[in-house]
Amino acid sequence: MIIDIYTHLFPRSYLERLESASRGLGNLSARMKQVPEVVDLDARFRDMDRHGAYRQVIALPHPVLEEVADPALAIDLAKHANDEMAEICATFPDRFPAFVATVALNDVEGSLAEIDRAVNDLGARGIQIYTNIDGQPLDRPEYAPVFAAMARHDLPVWLHPARTAAMTDYAAEARSRYEMWWCFGWPYETSVAVSRLIFSGVFDRHPDLKLITHHLGGMIPFFDGRIGPGMEVLGSRTPDEDYSGVIASLKRPHAEYFRMLYADTAMFGGTSGFPTGFQFFGAENIVFASDAPFGPVGASIDAILSVPLSDLDRDKVMRRNAEQLLRLSTEA
């Protein structure tokens, strides 16, 4: 059996409410509807059936609620989404063994209450957050209680990159061009967000915290020398800021924290990055994901089959790691 730990679904009622109540969607909802599987369950099931014993963990796609709704509305939309996601999982447990709860971190207190409700009452198996909160970094003190809550629940945080064309490639330009904000910007966003969390001590405060990084950890496994020996002299390159105490303040060698991350396999069917990713994270910290319906399920499965793994390690990646992380009980 395969458990696809990161797929995206728009519940219909939630989408209608989002369109009618929020701001700044532009043509996003129209573009989403061009992918039938993101809203049409029958179309989604037809695609899923092509892959045998295959199940999906579902999470909302973009937009980022904090960017399109004020705090009160964002929390209301998050609750609506979580209720509907829970109902879908209850109706189709053989398709969707779990859902990822939505939170709106422009209202941290409201989100903490919603985390408890979604996990305790609705059965959510973790939360999805974004790499920045409407431009604010995740390592700001006001977001610390969110990570504490997830450590207390012993459930993972799915970290999704959030970057748009408004975040430019060059200071002289008004927008990112050729969708570089997505192609290279999203892996960069992931890498910066988790690095800042690590250097701010999140794993020292919560050593059992589980962070799932999208797209095989972004840039991290490919730059182990820069994040390891390169960062041992943190602060020496920045004359106007004092980082001299950061490395010394951590309880473990800083490079070890990066290997505590979980990384998913959503690589659009690409394979050349997997040897590096598996060497860095190990099979125990890699979980299968396709990014369906925006990423190809079949090509993502074939990509993992192309990696020289033992049967046990392949089963860990395709199923067992997800079962353990999400505390799922599923039939083989």
Protein backbone atom coordinates (compact mmCIF):
# COMPACT_ATOMS: atom_id res chain seq x y z
CA MET A 1 0.00 0.00 0.00
CA ILE A 2 1.07 3.59 -0.68
CA ILE A 3 0.24 6.56 1.52
CA ASP A 4 0.68 9.88 -0.28
CA ILE A 5 1.30 12.22 2.63
CA TYR A 6 0.91 15.54 0.80
CA THR A 7 -1.96 16.06 -1.64
CA HIS A 8 -4.24 19.04 -2.12
CA LEU A 9 -8.03 19.19 -2.15
CA PHE A 10 -10.56 22.03 -2.26
CA PRO A 11 -13.78 21.04 -0.44
CA ARG A 12 -16.57 22.54 -2.52
CA SER A 13 -18.41 24.35 0.25
CA TYR A 14 -15.18 25.82 1.57
CA LEU A 15 -14.17 27.00 -1.90
CA GLU A 16 -17.52 28.72 -2.37
CA ARG A 17 -17.18 30.45 0.98
CA LEU A 18 -13.60 31.44 0.22
CA GLU A 19 -14.60 32.96 -3.12
CA SER A 20 -17.50 34.92 -1.69
CA ALA A 21 -15.90 36.19 1.51
CA SER A 22 -12.16 36.69 0.99
CA ARG A 23 -10.15 39.21 -0.96
CA GLY A 24 -7.45 39.22 -3.57
CA LEU A 25 -8.03 35.80 -5.13
CA GLY A 26 -7.72 37.17 -8.65
CA ASN A 27 -7.89 34.28 -11.11
CA LEU A 28 -6.61 31.72 -8.62
CA SER A 29 -9.91 29.91 -8.11
CA ALA A 30 -10.52 29.80 -11.87
CA ARG A 31 -7.08 28.30 -12.41
CA MET A 32 -7.64 25.77 -9.66
CA LYS A 33 -10.90 24.66 -11.24
CA GLN A 34 -9.00 23.87 -14.45
CA VAL A 35 -7.54 20.94 -12.51
CA PRO A 36 -10.69 18.82 -12.02
CA GLU A 37 -9.18 16.53 -9.39
CA VAL A 38 -8.69 19.39 -6.95
CA VAL A 39 -12.46 19.90 -6.56
CA ASP A 40 -14.15 16.91 -8.23
CA LEU A 41 -13.96 13.79 -6.06
CA ASP A 42 -15.13 11.47 -8.85
CA ALA A 43 -12.33 12.67 -11.11
CA ARG A 44 -9.90 12.33 -8.21
CA PHE A 45 -11.02 8.76 -7.50
CA ARG A 46 -10.56 7.78 -11.15
CA ASP A 47 -6.99 9.00 -10.99
CA MET A 48 -6.34 7.30 -7.65
CA ASP A 49 -7.67 3.99 -8.96
CA ARG A 50 -4.89 3.90 -11.55
CA HIS A 51 -2.36 3.31 -8.78
CA GLY A 52 -3.71 0.28 -6.95
CA ALA A 53 -3.65 0.28 -3.16
CA TYR A 54 -3.05 4.00 -2.89
CA ARG A 55 -4.37 6.48 -0.30
CA GLN A 56 -4.03 10.23 0.13
CA VAL A 57 -3.59 12.52 3.09
CA ILE A 58 -5.36 15.73 2.11
CA ALA A 59 -4.55 19.38 2.77
CA LEU A 60 -5.82 22.64 1.35
CA PRO A 61 -4.02 24.21 -1.61
CA HIS A 62 -3.25 27.91 -1.96
CA PRO A 63 -4.30 30.63 -1.30
CA VAL A 64 -2.63 31.36 2.01
CA LEU A 65 -5.45 32.45 4.29
CA GLU A 66 -3.35 35.06 6.08
CA GLU A 67 -2.86 36.83 2.74
CA VAL A 68 -6.49 36.94 1.64
CA ALA A 69 -8.52 37.35 4.83
CA ASP A 70 -8.45 39.39 8.02
CA PRO A 71 -7.89 37.42 11.26
CA ALA A 72 -11.54 36.85 12.14
CA LEU A 73 -12.48 35.71 8.66
CA ALA A 74 -9.33 33.61 8.31
CA ILE A 75 -10.12 31.66 11.48
CA ASP A 76 -13.72 31.20 10.35
CA LEU A 77 -12.55 29.88 6.98
CA ALA A 78 -10.03 27.55 8.67
CA LYS A 79 -12.78 26.08 10.85
CA HIS A 80 -15.03 25.64 7.83
CA ALA A 81 -12.26 23.89 5.91
CA ASN A 82 -11.40 21.57 8.78
CA ASP A 83 -15.01 20.59 9.35
CA GLU A 84 -15.43 19.73 5.68
CA MET A 85 -12.10 17.92 5.42
CA ALA A 86 -13.03 15.79 8.45
CA GLU A 87 -16.38 14.96 6.88
CA ILE A 88 -14.71 13.90 3.62
CA CYS A 89 -12.28 11.63 5.48
CA ALA A 90 -15.14 10.10 7.50
CA THR A 91 -17.11 9.47 4.31
CA PHE A 92 -14.19 7.97 2.37
CA PRO A 93 -11.81 6.44 4.93
CA ASP A 94 -10.42 3.96 2.41
CA ARG A 95 -9.41 6.87 0.18
CA PHE A 96 -8.35 9.47 2.72
CA PRO A 97 -6.99 8.06 5.98
CA ALA A 98 -6.24 11.53 7.36
CA PHE A 99 -6.39 15.25 6.74
CA VAL A 100 -4.06 18.10 7.60
CA ALA A 101 -5.74 20.88 9.54
CA THR A 102 -5.75 24.46 8.31
CA VAL A 103 -4.79 27.26 10.68
CA ALA A 104 -4.60 31.03 10.25
CA LEU A 105 -1.60 32.46 12.05
CA ASN A 106 -2.70 36.06 11.74
CA ASP A 107 -4.71 35.02 14.82
CA VAL A 108 -2.36 32.88 16.89
CA GLU A 109 -4.69 32.46 19.87
CA GLY A 110 -7.54 31.48 17.58
CA SER A 111 -5.27 29.04 15.78
CA LEU A 112 -4.17 27.41 19.03
CA ALA A 113 -7.81 26.79 19.90
CA GLU A 114 -8.44 25.48 16.38
CA ILE A 115 -5.46 23.12 16.58
CA ASP A 116 -6.89 21.54 19.71
CA ARG A 117 -10.37 21.32 18.19
CA ALA A 118 -9.16 19.92 14.87
CA VAL A 119 -6.94 17.30 16.51
CA ASN A 120 -9.09 16.33 19.49
CA ASP A 121 -12.58 16.62 17.99
CA LEU A 122 -12.09 16.17 14.23
CA GLY A 123 -9.17 13.76 14.11
CA ALA A 124 -6.70 15.94 12.18
CA ARG A 125 -3.25 14.38 12.00
CA GLY A 126 -1.26 17.61 12.00
CA ILE A 127 -1.36 21.14 10.63
CA GLN A 128 -0.22 22.92 7.50
CA ILE A 129 1.54 26.25 7.84
CA TYR A 130 3.43 28.39 5.35
CA THR A 131 7.04 29.49 5.24
CA ASN A 132 6.07 33.06 6.01
CA ILE A 133 2.98 34.62 7.51
CA ASP A 134 2.10 37.44 5.15
CA GLY A 135 5.77 38.37 5.03
CA GLN A 136 6.56 37.64 8.69
CA PRO A 137 9.15 34.92 9.47
CA LEU A 138 8.11 31.85 11.43
CA ASP A 139 10.83 32.30 14.05
CA ARG A 140 9.15 35.40 15.48
CA PRO A 141 8.24 34.86 19.17
CA GLU A 142 4.49 35.18 18.58
CA TYR A 143 4.46 31.94 16.56
CA ALA A 144 6.38 29.90 19.15
CA PRO A 145 3.19 28.63 20.87
CA VAL A 146 2.12 26.96 17.61
CA PHE A 147 5.21 24.74 17.58
CA ALA A 148 4.76 24.06 21.29
CA ALA A 149 1.19 22.95 20.64
CA MET A 150 2.22 20.55 17.89
CA ALA A 151 5.01 19.11 20.04
CA ARG A 152 2.42 18.56 22.78
CA HIS A 153 0.09 16.79 20.36
CA ASP A 154 3.04 14.80 18.96
CA LEU A 155 1.83 15.38 15.42
CA PRO A 156 3.68 16.86 12.44
CA VAL A 157 3.71 20.29 10.91
CA TRP A 158 3.53 20.32 7.11
CA LEU A 159 5.56 23.30 5.93
CA HIS A 160 4.46 24.64 2.56
CA PRO A 161 6.44 27.32 0.73
CA ALA A 162 4.73 30.66 0.19
CA ARG A 163 6.30 33.01 -2.31
CA THR A 164 4.75 34.99 -5.15
CA ALA A 165 5.91 36.97 -8.15
CA ALA A 166 5.84 40.05 -5.93
CA MET A 167 9.03 38.76 -4.26
CA THR A 168 11.45 39.89 -6.91
CA ASP A 169 14.58 38.22 -8.27
CA TYR A 170 16.41 41.55 -8.55
CA ALA A 171 15.97 44.78 -6.62
CA ALA A 172 15.66 46.77 -9.84
CA GLU A 173 12.59 44.85 -10.98
CA ALA A 174 9.01 45.01 -9.75
CA ARG A 175 8.23 41.30 -10.08
CA SER A 176 9.89 37.93 -10.39
CA ARG A 177 9.99 36.81 -14.02
CA TYR A 178 9.59 33.43 -15.75
CA GLU A 179 8.02 32.02 -12.56
CA MET A 180 11.40 31.81 -10.88
CA TRP A 181 9.54 32.72 -7.67
CA TRP A 182 8.01 29.22 -7.91
CA CYS A 183 10.69 27.09 -9.57
CA PHE A 184 13.62 28.14 -7.38
CA GLY A 185 11.92 30.50 -4.95
CA TRP A 186 9.85 27.84 -3.22
CA PRO A 187 12.82 25.55 -2.37
CA TYR A 188 14.67 28.66 -1.15
CA GLU A 189 11.69 29.67 1.01
CA THR A 190 11.56 26.25 2.63
CA SER A 191 15.30 26.23 3.29
CA VAL A 192 15.36 29.69 4.86
CA ALA A 193 12.27 29.10 7.00
CA VAL A 194 13.51 25.89 8.58
CA SER A 195 17.06 27.20 8.96
CA ARG A 196 15.82 30.19 10.91
CA LEU A 197 13.67 27.95 13.08
CA ILE A 198 16.69 25.76 13.78
CA PHE A 199 19.03 28.65 14.63
CA SER A 200 16.35 30.20 16.82
CA GLY A 201 16.35 27.00 18.90
CA VAL A 202 13.02 25.40 18.03
CA PHE A 203 14.42 21.86 18.29
CA ASP A 204 16.12 22.64 21.59
CA ARG A 205 12.78 23.74 23.00
CA HIS A 206 10.92 20.84 21.36
CA PRO A 207 13.35 18.01 20.54
CA ASP A 208 10.54 15.73 19.34
CA LEU A 209 8.93 18.31 17.04
CA LYS A 210 8.19 16.87 13.62
CA LEU A 211 8.54 19.21 10.63
CA ILE A 212 7.75 17.89 7.15
CA THR A 213 9.55 19.90 4.50
CA HIS A 214 8.13 19.97 1.00
CA HIS A 215 10.12 19.05 -2.12
CA LEU A 216 12.80 16.92 -0.43
CA GLY A 217 13.82 19.62 2.02
CA GLY A 218 14.22 22.33 -0.59
CA MET A 219 17.90 23.22 -0.97
CA ILE A 220 19.07 21.72 2.32
CA PRO A 221 20.40 18.25 1.35
CA PHE A 222 22.27 19.68 -1.62
CA PHE A 223 24.22 22.24 0.44
CA ASP A 224 25.31 20.17 3.42
CA GLY A 225 28.77 21.73 3.32
CA ARG A 226 27.40 25.26 3.48
CA ILE A 227 24.93 24.53 6.29
CA GLY A 228 27.51 22.44 8.15
CA PRO A 229 31.12 23.69 8.14
CA GLY A 230 30.11 26.86 6.33
CA MET A 231 27.84 27.99 9.16
CA GLU A 232 30.35 27.18 11.89
CA VAL A 233 31.60 30.74 11.45
CA LEU A 234 28.12 32.24 11.54
CA GLY A 235 28.40 36.00 11.90
CA SER A 236 31.84 36.43 10.39
CA ARG A 237 30.36 37.56 7.09
CA THR A 238 27.95 40.12 8.56
CA PRO A 239 29.77 43.11 10.01
CA ASP A 240 26.73 45.04 11.22
CA GLU A 241 24.96 42.21 13.14
CA ASP A 242 26.25 40.08 16.00
CA TYR A 243 25.56 36.36 15.58
CA SER A 244 28.58 35.27 17.61
CA GLY A 245 26.57 33.52 20.30
CA VAL A 246 24.09 31.65 18.11
CA ILE A 247 26.02 28.44 17.44
CA ALA A 248 27.26 28.25 21.03
CA SER A 249 23.71 28.64 22.35
CA LEU A 250 22.49 25.46 20.63
CA LYS A 251 22.49 22.21 22.59
CA ARG A 252 23.73 20.09 19.70
CA PRO A 253 26.06 20.60 16.72
CA HIS A 254 23.99 22.79 14.44
CA ALA A 255 24.16 20.51 11.38
CA GLU A 256 22.49 17.69 13.29
CA TYR A 257 19.22 19.61 13.53
CA PHE A 258 18.81 19.66 9.76
CA ARG A 259 18.86 15.86 9.69
CA MET A 260 15.98 15.84 12.18
CA LEU A 261 13.69 17.25 9.51
CA TYR A 262 11.34 15.07 7.49
CA ALA A 263 11.37 15.52 3.72
CA ASP A 264 8.72 14.53 1.22
CA THR A 265 9.29 13.18 -2.29
CA ALA A 266 7.16 15.70 -4.21
CA MET A 267 9.67 16.38 -7.00
CA PHE A 268 7.35 16.38 -10.05
CA GLY A 269 8.66 12.96 -11.04
CA GLY A 270 12.28 14.09 -11.05
CA THR A 271 14.88 11.58 -9.89
CA SER A 272 18.34 13.18 -9.98
CA GLY A 273 17.96 14.73 -6.52
CA PHE A 274 16.96 11.54 -4.71
CA PRO A 275 20.44 10.04 -4.14
CA THR A 276 21.48 13.21 -2.33
CA GLY A 277 18.21 13.50 -0.42
CA PHE A 278 18.25 9.89 0.75
CA GLN A 279 21.91 10.13 1.73
CA PHE A 280 21.24 13.26 3.78
CA PHE A 281 17.94 12.43 5.51
CA GLY A 282 17.96 8.63 5.44
CA ALA A 283 14.98 6.46 4.54
CA GLU A 284 13.55 6.88 8.06
CA ASN A 285 12.96 10.61 7.52
CA ILE A 286 11.59 10.59 3.97
CA VAL A 287 7.87 10.29 3.24
CA PHE A 288 6.21 9.68 -0.10
CA ALA A 289 4.31 12.63 -1.58
CA SER A 290 3.22 13.53 -5.08
CA ASP A 291 1.69 17.01 -4.58
CA ALA A 292 -1.37 15.64 -6.40
CA PRO A 293 -3.27 16.81 -8.31
CA PHE A 294 -0.68 19.45 -9.21
CA GLY A 295 2.12 16.90 -9.32
CA PRO A 296 2.02 13.55 -11.17
CA VAL A 297 1.18 10.55 -9.00
CA GLY A 298 2.38 7.86 -11.39
CA ALA A 299 5.68 9.57 -12.18
CA SER A 300 6.25 10.19 -8.46
CA ILE A 301 5.76 6.50 -7.69
CA ASP A 302 8.03 5.48 -10.56
CA ALA A 303 10.69 7.89 -9.29
CA ILE A 304 10.85 6.13 -5.93
CA LEU A 305 10.88 2.73 -7.62
CA SER A 306 13.97 3.88 -9.52
CA VAL A 307 15.91 4.53 -6.31
CA PRO A 308 18.07 1.56 -5.20
CA LEU A 309 16.48 0.87 -1.81
CA SER A 310 15.94 -2.28 0.18
CA ASP A 311 12.36 -3.55 0.29
CA LEU A 312 12.17 -2.48 3.93
CA ASP A 313 13.41 1.05 3.24
CA ARG A 314 11.09 1.43 0.27
CA ASP A 315 8.15 0.35 2.41
CA LYS A 316 9.19 2.88 5.05
CA VAL A 317 9.12 5.68 2.49
CA MET A 318 5.92 4.61 0.76
CA ARG A 319 3.88 3.73 3.83
CA ARG A 320 5.40 3.03 7.23
CA ASN A 321 6.92 6.43 7.96
CA ALA A 322 3.58 8.09 7.29
CA GLU A 323 1.76 5.60 9.50
CA GLN A 324 4.20 6.26 12.31
CA LEU A 325 4.24 10.05 11.96
CA LEU A 326 0.46 10.31 11.78
CA ARG A 327 -0.22 7.43 14.19
CA LEU A 328 -2.37 5.71 11.59
CA SER A 329 -3.67 2.18 11.73
CA THR A 330 -4.05 0.89 8.17
CA GLU A 331 -4.26 -2.48 6.56
CA ALA A 332 -1.33 -3.69 4.47
